[in-house]
């Protein structure tokens, strides 16, 4: 799956998918065939971390 590479656009894309379609980051990553660690690193580089309780990056 082709996902956005720009971290800010990726943040919006991932959070929207988490809100609308997936109950966890693991589920999203598995379904979209993306690497969870790499995704978290990209978003951490712009100041965001995954909050499992809220199921979103903040």
PDB file of N, CA and C in Angstrom:
ATOM      1  N   UNK A   1       0.854  -1.187   0.000  1.00  0.00           N
ATOM      2  CA  UNK A   1       0.000   0.000   0.000  1.00  0.00           C
ATOM      3  C   UNK A   1       0.885   1.230   0.000  1.00  0.00           C
ATOM      4  N   UNK A   2       0.505   2.193  -0.772  1.00  0.00           N
ATOM      5  CA  UNK A   2       1.257   3.436  -0.855  1.00  0.00           C
ATOM      6  C   UNK A   2       0.689   4.426   0.161  1.00  0.00           C
ATOM      7  N   UNK A   3       1.463   4.733   1.198  1.00  0.00           N
ATOM      8  CA  UNK A   3       1.013   5.676   2.219  1.00  0.00           C
ATOM      9  C   UNK A   3       1.829   6.958   2.098  1.00  0.00           C
ATOM     10  N   UNK A   4       1.317   8.063   2.617  1.00  0.00           N
ATOM     11  CA  UNK A   4       2.056   9.327   2.530  1.00  0.00           C
ATOM     12  C   UNK A   4       3.436   9.225   3.184  1.00  0.00           C
ATOM     13  N   UNK A   5       4.412   9.866   2.577  1.00  0.00           N
ATOM     14  CA  UNK A   5       5.772   9.866   3.122  1.00  0.00           C
ATOM     15  C   UNK A   5       6.061  11.100   3.961  1.00  0.00           C
ATOM     16  N   UNK A   6       5.380  12.197   3.683  1.00  0.00           N
ATOM     17  CA  UNK A   6       5.543  13.402   4.490  1.00  0.00           C
ATOM     18  C   UNK A   6       4.997  13.125   5.889  1.00  0.00           C
ATOM     19  N   UNK A   7       5.789  13.343   6.950  1.00  0.00           N
ATOM     20  CA  UNK A   7       5.355  12.992   8.307  1.00  0.00           C
ATOM     21  C   UNK A   7       4.055  13.658   8.761  1.00  0.00           C
ATOM     22  N   UNK A   8       3.836  14.889   8.391  1.00  0.00           N
ATOM     23  CA  UNK A   8       2.620  15.594   8.825  1.00  0.00           C
ATOM     24  C   UNK A   8       1.388  15.029   8.115  1.00  0.00           C
ATOM     25  N   UNK A   9       1.521  14.747   6.834  1.00  0.00           N
ATOM     26  CA  UNK A   9       0.414  14.140   6.096  1.00  0.00           C
ATOM     27  C   UNK A   9       0.209  12.705   6.572  1.00  0.00           C
ATOM     28  N   UNK A  10       1.305  12.003   6.846  1.00  0.00           N
ATOM     29  CA  UNK A  10       1.220  10.649   7.381  1.00  0.00           C
ATOM     30  C   UNK A  10       0.474  10.639   8.711  1.00  0.00           C
ATOM     31  N   UNK A  11       0.756  11.599   9.570  1.00  0.00           N
ATOM     32  CA  UNK A  11       0.068  11.712  10.855  1.00  0.00           C
ATOM     33  C   UNK A  11      -1.442  11.799  10.652  1.00  0.00           C
ATOM     34  N   UNK A  12      -1.870  12.683   9.777  1.00  0.00           N
ATOM     35  CA  UNK A  12      -3.293  12.840   9.507  1.00  0.00           C
ATOM     36  C   UNK A  12      -3.892  11.564   8.935  1.00  0.00           C
ATOM     37  N   UNK A  13      -3.194  10.950   8.005  1.00  0.00           N
ATOM     38  CA  UNK A  13      -3.663   9.722   7.364  1.00  0.00           C
ATOM     39  C   UNK A  13      -3.817   8.595   8.387  1.00  0.00           C
ATOM     40  N   UNK A  14      -2.785   8.380   9.198  1.00  0.00           N
ATOM     41  CA  UNK A  14      -2.799   7.302  10.190  1.00  0.00           C
ATOM     42  C   UNK A  14      -3.887   7.543  11.236  1.00  0.00           C
ATOM     43  N   UNK A  15      -3.971   8.757  11.761  1.00  0.00           N
ATOM     44  CA  UNK A  15      -4.987   9.036  12.782  1.00  0.00           C
ATOM     45  C   UNK A  15      -6.403   8.882  12.230  1.00  0.00           C
ATOM     46  N   UNK A  16      -6.612   9.263  10.993  1.00  0.00           N
ATOM     47  CA  UNK A  16      -7.929   9.082  10.386  1.00  0.00           C
ATOM     48  C   UNK A  16      -8.256   7.600  10.248  1.00  0.00           C
ATOM     49  N   UNK A  17      -7.287   6.823   9.780  1.00  0.00           N
ATOM     50  CA  UNK A  17      -7.495   5.378   9.658  1.00  0.00           C
ATOM     51  C   UNK A  17      -7.762   4.746  11.024  1.00  0.00           C
ATOM     52  N   UNK A  18      -7.012   5.164  12.044  1.00  0.00           N
ATOM     53  CA  UNK A  18      -7.217   4.618  13.388  1.00  0.00           C
ATOM     54  C   UNK A  18      -8.606   4.968  13.903  1.00  0.00           C
ATOM     55  N   UNK A  19      -9.020   6.179  13.672  1.00  0.00           N
ATOM     56  CA  UNK A  19     -10.340   6.626  14.132  1.00  0.00           C
ATOM     57  C   UNK A  19     -11.469   5.901  13.406  1.00  0.00           C
ATOM     58  N   UNK A  20     -11.341   5.759  12.099  1.00  0.00           N
ATOM     59  CA  UNK A  20     -12.456   5.272  11.290  1.00  0.00           C
ATOM     60  C   UNK A  20     -12.466   3.759  11.035  1.00  0.00           C
ATOM     61  N   UNK A  21     -11.278   3.145  10.993  1.00  0.00           N
ATOM     62  CA  UNK A  21     -11.223   1.777  10.481  1.00  0.00           C
ATOM     63  C   UNK A  21     -10.543   0.738  11.364  1.00  0.00           C
ATOM     64  N   UNK A  22      -9.693   1.155  12.295  1.00  0.00           N
ATOM     65  CA  UNK A  22      -8.887   0.187  13.029  1.00  0.00           C
ATOM     66  C   UNK A  22      -8.931   0.441  14.528  1.00  0.00           C
ATOM     67  N   UNK A  23      -8.919  -0.649  15.287  1.00  0.00           N
ATOM     68  CA  UNK A  23      -8.990  -0.534  16.750  1.00  0.00           C
ATOM     69  C   UNK A  23      -7.622  -0.475  17.403  1.00  0.00           C
ATOM     70  N   UNK A  24      -6.553  -0.645  16.616  1.00  0.00           N
ATOM     71  CA  UNK A  24      -5.203  -0.550  17.174  1.00  0.00           C
ATOM     72  C   UNK A  24      -4.202  -0.265  16.064  1.00  0.00           C
ATOM     73  N   UNK A  25      -3.037   0.216  16.470  1.00  0.00           N
ATOM     74  CA  UNK A  25      -1.970   0.469  15.510  1.00  0.00           C
ATOM     75  C   UNK A  25      -1.464  -0.838  14.915  1.00  0.00           C
ATOM     76  N   UNK A  26      -1.392  -1.889  15.712  1.00  0.00           N
ATOM     77  CA  UNK A  26      -0.965  -3.194  15.194  1.00  0.00           C
ATOM     78  C   UNK A  26      -1.891  -3.675  14.086  1.00  0.00           C
ATOM     79  N   UNK A  27      -3.186  -3.542  14.306  1.00  0.00           N
ATOM     80  CA  UNK A  27      -4.172  -3.963  13.305  1.00  0.00           C
ATOM     81  C   UNK A  27      -4.011  -3.162  12.021  1.00  0.00           C
ATOM     82  N   UNK A  28      -3.840  -1.849  12.145  1.00  0.00           N
ATOM     83  CA  UNK A  28      -3.659  -0.988  10.982  1.00  0.00           C
ATOM     84  C   UNK A  28      -2.410  -1.400  10.205  1.00  0.00           C
ATOM     85  N   UNK A  29      -1.293  -1.549  10.899  1.00  0.00           N
ATOM     86  CA  UNK A  29      -0.032  -1.889  10.239  1.00  0.00           C
ATOM     87  C   UNK A  29      -0.114  -3.239   9.530  1.00  0.00           C
ATOM     88  N   UNK A  30      -0.721  -4.196  10.184  1.00  0.00           N
ATOM     89  CA  UNK A  30      -0.856  -5.519   9.573  1.00  0.00           C
ATOM     90  C   UNK A  30      -1.731  -5.441   8.317  1.00  0.00           C
ATOM     91  N   UNK A  31      -2.842  -4.752   8.413  1.00  0.00           N
ATOM     92  CA  UNK A  31      -3.768  -4.654   7.292  1.00  0.00           C
ATOM     93  C   UNK A  31      -3.163  -3.909   6.105  1.00  0.00           C
ATOM     94  N   UNK A  32      -2.401  -2.846   6.381  1.00  0.00           N
ATOM     95  CA  UNK A  32      -1.815  -2.042   5.311  1.00  0.00           C
ATOM     96  C   UNK A  32      -0.423  -2.508   4.903  1.00  0.00           C
ATOM     97  N   UNK A  33       0.071  -3.565   5.566  1.00  0.00           N
ATOM     98  CA  UNK A  33       1.414  -4.104   5.287  1.00  0.00           C
ATOM     99  C   UNK A  33       2.498  -3.036   5.436  1.00  0.00           C
ATOM    100  N   UNK A  34       2.437  -2.307   6.542  1.00  0.00           N
ATOM    101  CA  UNK A  34       3.468  -1.317   6.834  1.00  0.00           C
ATOM    102  C   UNK A  34       4.158  -1.687   8.143  1.00  0.00           C
ATOM    103  N   UNK A  35       5.378  -1.228   8.305  1.00  0.00           N
ATOM    104  CA  UNK A  35       6.178  -1.538   9.476  1.00  0.00           C
ATOM    105  C   UNK A  35       5.821  -0.585  10.616  1.00  0.00           C
ATOM    106  N   UNK A  36       5.369  -1.148  11.728  1.00  0.00           N
ATOM    107  CA  UNK A  36       4.955  -0.322  12.868  1.00  0.00           C
ATOM    108  C   UNK A  36       6.115   0.515  13.402  1.00  0.00           C
ATOM    109  N   UNK A  37       7.265  -0.110  13.590  1.00  0.00           N
ATOM    110  CA  UNK A  37       8.418   0.601  14.156  1.00  0.00           C
ATOM    111  C   UNK A  37       8.838   1.776  13.272  1.00  0.00           C
ATOM    112  N   UNK A  38       8.879   1.548  11.973  1.00  0.00           N
ATOM    113  CA  UNK A  38       9.251   2.613  11.040  1.00  0.00           C
ATOM    114  C   UNK A  38       8.232   3.753  11.078  1.00  0.00           C
ATOM    115  N   UNK A  39       6.965   3.416  11.134  1.00  0.00           N
ATOM    116  CA  UNK A  39       5.907   4.421  11.194  1.00  0.00           C
ATOM    117  C   UNK A  39       6.025   5.238  12.482  1.00  0.00           C
ATOM    118  N   UNK A  40       6.244   4.557  13.597  1.00  0.00           N
ATOM    119  CA  UNK A  40       6.392   5.267  14.871  1.00  0.00           C
ATOM    120  C   UNK A  40       7.619   6.175  14.864  1.00  0.00           C
ATOM    121  N   UNK A  41       8.702   5.738  14.264  1.00  0.00           N
ATOM    122  CA  UNK A  41       9.917   6.563  14.183  1.00  0.00           C
ATOM    123  C   UNK A  41       9.675   7.819  13.351  1.00  0.00           C
ATOM    124  N   UNK A  42       8.996   7.661  12.214  1.00  0.00           N
ATOM    125  CA  UNK A  42       8.702   8.817  11.355  1.00  0.00           C
ATOM    126  C   UNK A  42       7.874   9.851  12.105  1.00  0.00           C
ATOM    127  N   UNK A  43       6.882   9.384  12.852  1.00  0.00           N
ATOM    128  CA  UNK A  43       6.009  10.314  13.553  1.00  0.00           C
ATOM    129  C   UNK A  43       6.668  10.865  14.810  1.00  0.00           C
ATOM    130  N   UNK A  44       7.533  10.100  15.440  1.00  0.00           N
ATOM    131  CA  UNK A  44       8.272  10.593  16.605  1.00  0.00           C
ATOM    132  C   UNK A  44       9.227  11.716  16.194  1.00  0.00           C
ATOM    133  N   UNK A  45       9.742  11.637  14.976  1.00  0.00           N
ATOM    134  CA  UNK A  45      10.660  12.659  14.476  1.00  0.00           C
ATOM    135  C   UNK A  45      10.007  14.033  14.386  1.00  0.00           C
ATOM    136  N   UNK A  46       8.676  14.069  14.305  1.00  0.00           N
ATOM    137  CA  UNK A  46       7.959  15.351  14.272  1.00  0.00           C
ATOM    138  C   UNK A  46       7.163  15.577  15.558  1.00  0.00           C
ATOM    139  N   UNK A  47       7.519  14.795  16.609  1.00  0.00           N
ATOM    140  CA  UNK A  47       6.980  15.066  17.939  1.00  0.00           C
ATOM    141  C   UNK A  47       5.726  14.323  18.344  1.00  0.00           C
ATOM    142  N   UNK A  48       5.386  13.230  17.666  1.00  0.00           N
ATOM    143  CA  UNK A  48       4.154  12.516  17.998  1.00  0.00           C
ATOM    144  C   UNK A  48       4.441  11.085  18.436  1.00  0.00           C
ATOM    145  N   UNK A  49       3.702  10.617  19.431  1.00  0.00           N
ATOM    146  CA  UNK A  49       3.810   9.257  19.929  1.00  0.00           C
ATOM    147  C   UNK A  49       2.429   8.626  19.944  1.00  0.00           C
ATOM    148  N   UNK A  50       2.411   7.310  19.765  1.00  0.00           N
ATOM    149  CA  UNK A  50       1.148   6.577  19.766  1.00  0.00           C
ATOM    150  C   UNK A  50       0.623   6.436  21.186  1.00  0.00           C
ATOM    151  N   UNK A  51      -0.638   6.766  21.375  1.00  0.00           N
ATOM    152  CA  UNK A  51      -1.332   6.601  22.660  1.00  0.00           C
ATOM    153  C   UNK A  51      -2.352   5.488  22.463  1.00  0.00           C
ATOM    154  N   UNK A  52      -2.049   4.311  23.022  1.00  0.00           N
ATOM    155  CA  UNK A  52      -2.919   3.154  22.804  1.00  0.00           C
ATOM    156  C   UNK A  52      -4.291   3.322  23.446  1.00  0.00           C
ATOM    157  N   UNK A  53      -4.361   4.076  24.530  1.00  0.00           N
ATOM    158  CA  UNK A  53      -5.662   4.295  25.177  1.00  0.00           C
ATOM    159  C   UNK A  53      -6.582   5.132  24.299  1.00  0.00           C
ATOM    160  N   UNK A  54      -6.023   6.089  23.618  1.00  0.00           N
ATOM    161  CA  UNK A  54      -6.814   6.963  22.739  1.00  0.00           C
ATOM    162  C   UNK A  54      -6.790   6.472  21.287  1.00  0.00           C
ATOM    163  N   UNK A  55      -5.959   5.456  21.022  1.00  0.00           N
ATOM    164  CA  UNK A  55      -5.801   4.892  19.683  1.00  0.00           C
ATOM    165  C   UNK A  55      -5.506   5.982  18.643  1.00  0.00           C
ATOM    166  N   UNK A  56      -4.529   6.807  18.984  1.00  0.00           N
ATOM    167  CA  UNK A  56      -4.109   7.856  18.050  1.00  0.00           C
ATOM    168  C   UNK A  56      -2.720   8.353  18.408  1.00  0.00           C
ATOM    169  N   UNK A  57      -2.116   9.047  17.448  1.00  0.00           N
ATOM    170  CA  UNK A  57      -0.838   9.705  17.711  1.00  0.00           C
ATOM    171  C   UNK A  57      -1.130  11.086  18.242  1.00  0.00           C
ATOM    172  N   UNK A  58      -0.404  11.464  19.279  1.00  0.00           N
ATOM    173  CA  UNK A  58      -0.572  12.771  19.916  1.00  0.00           C
ATOM    174  C   UNK A  58       0.774  13.377  20.179  1.00  0.00           C
TER     175      UNK A  58
END
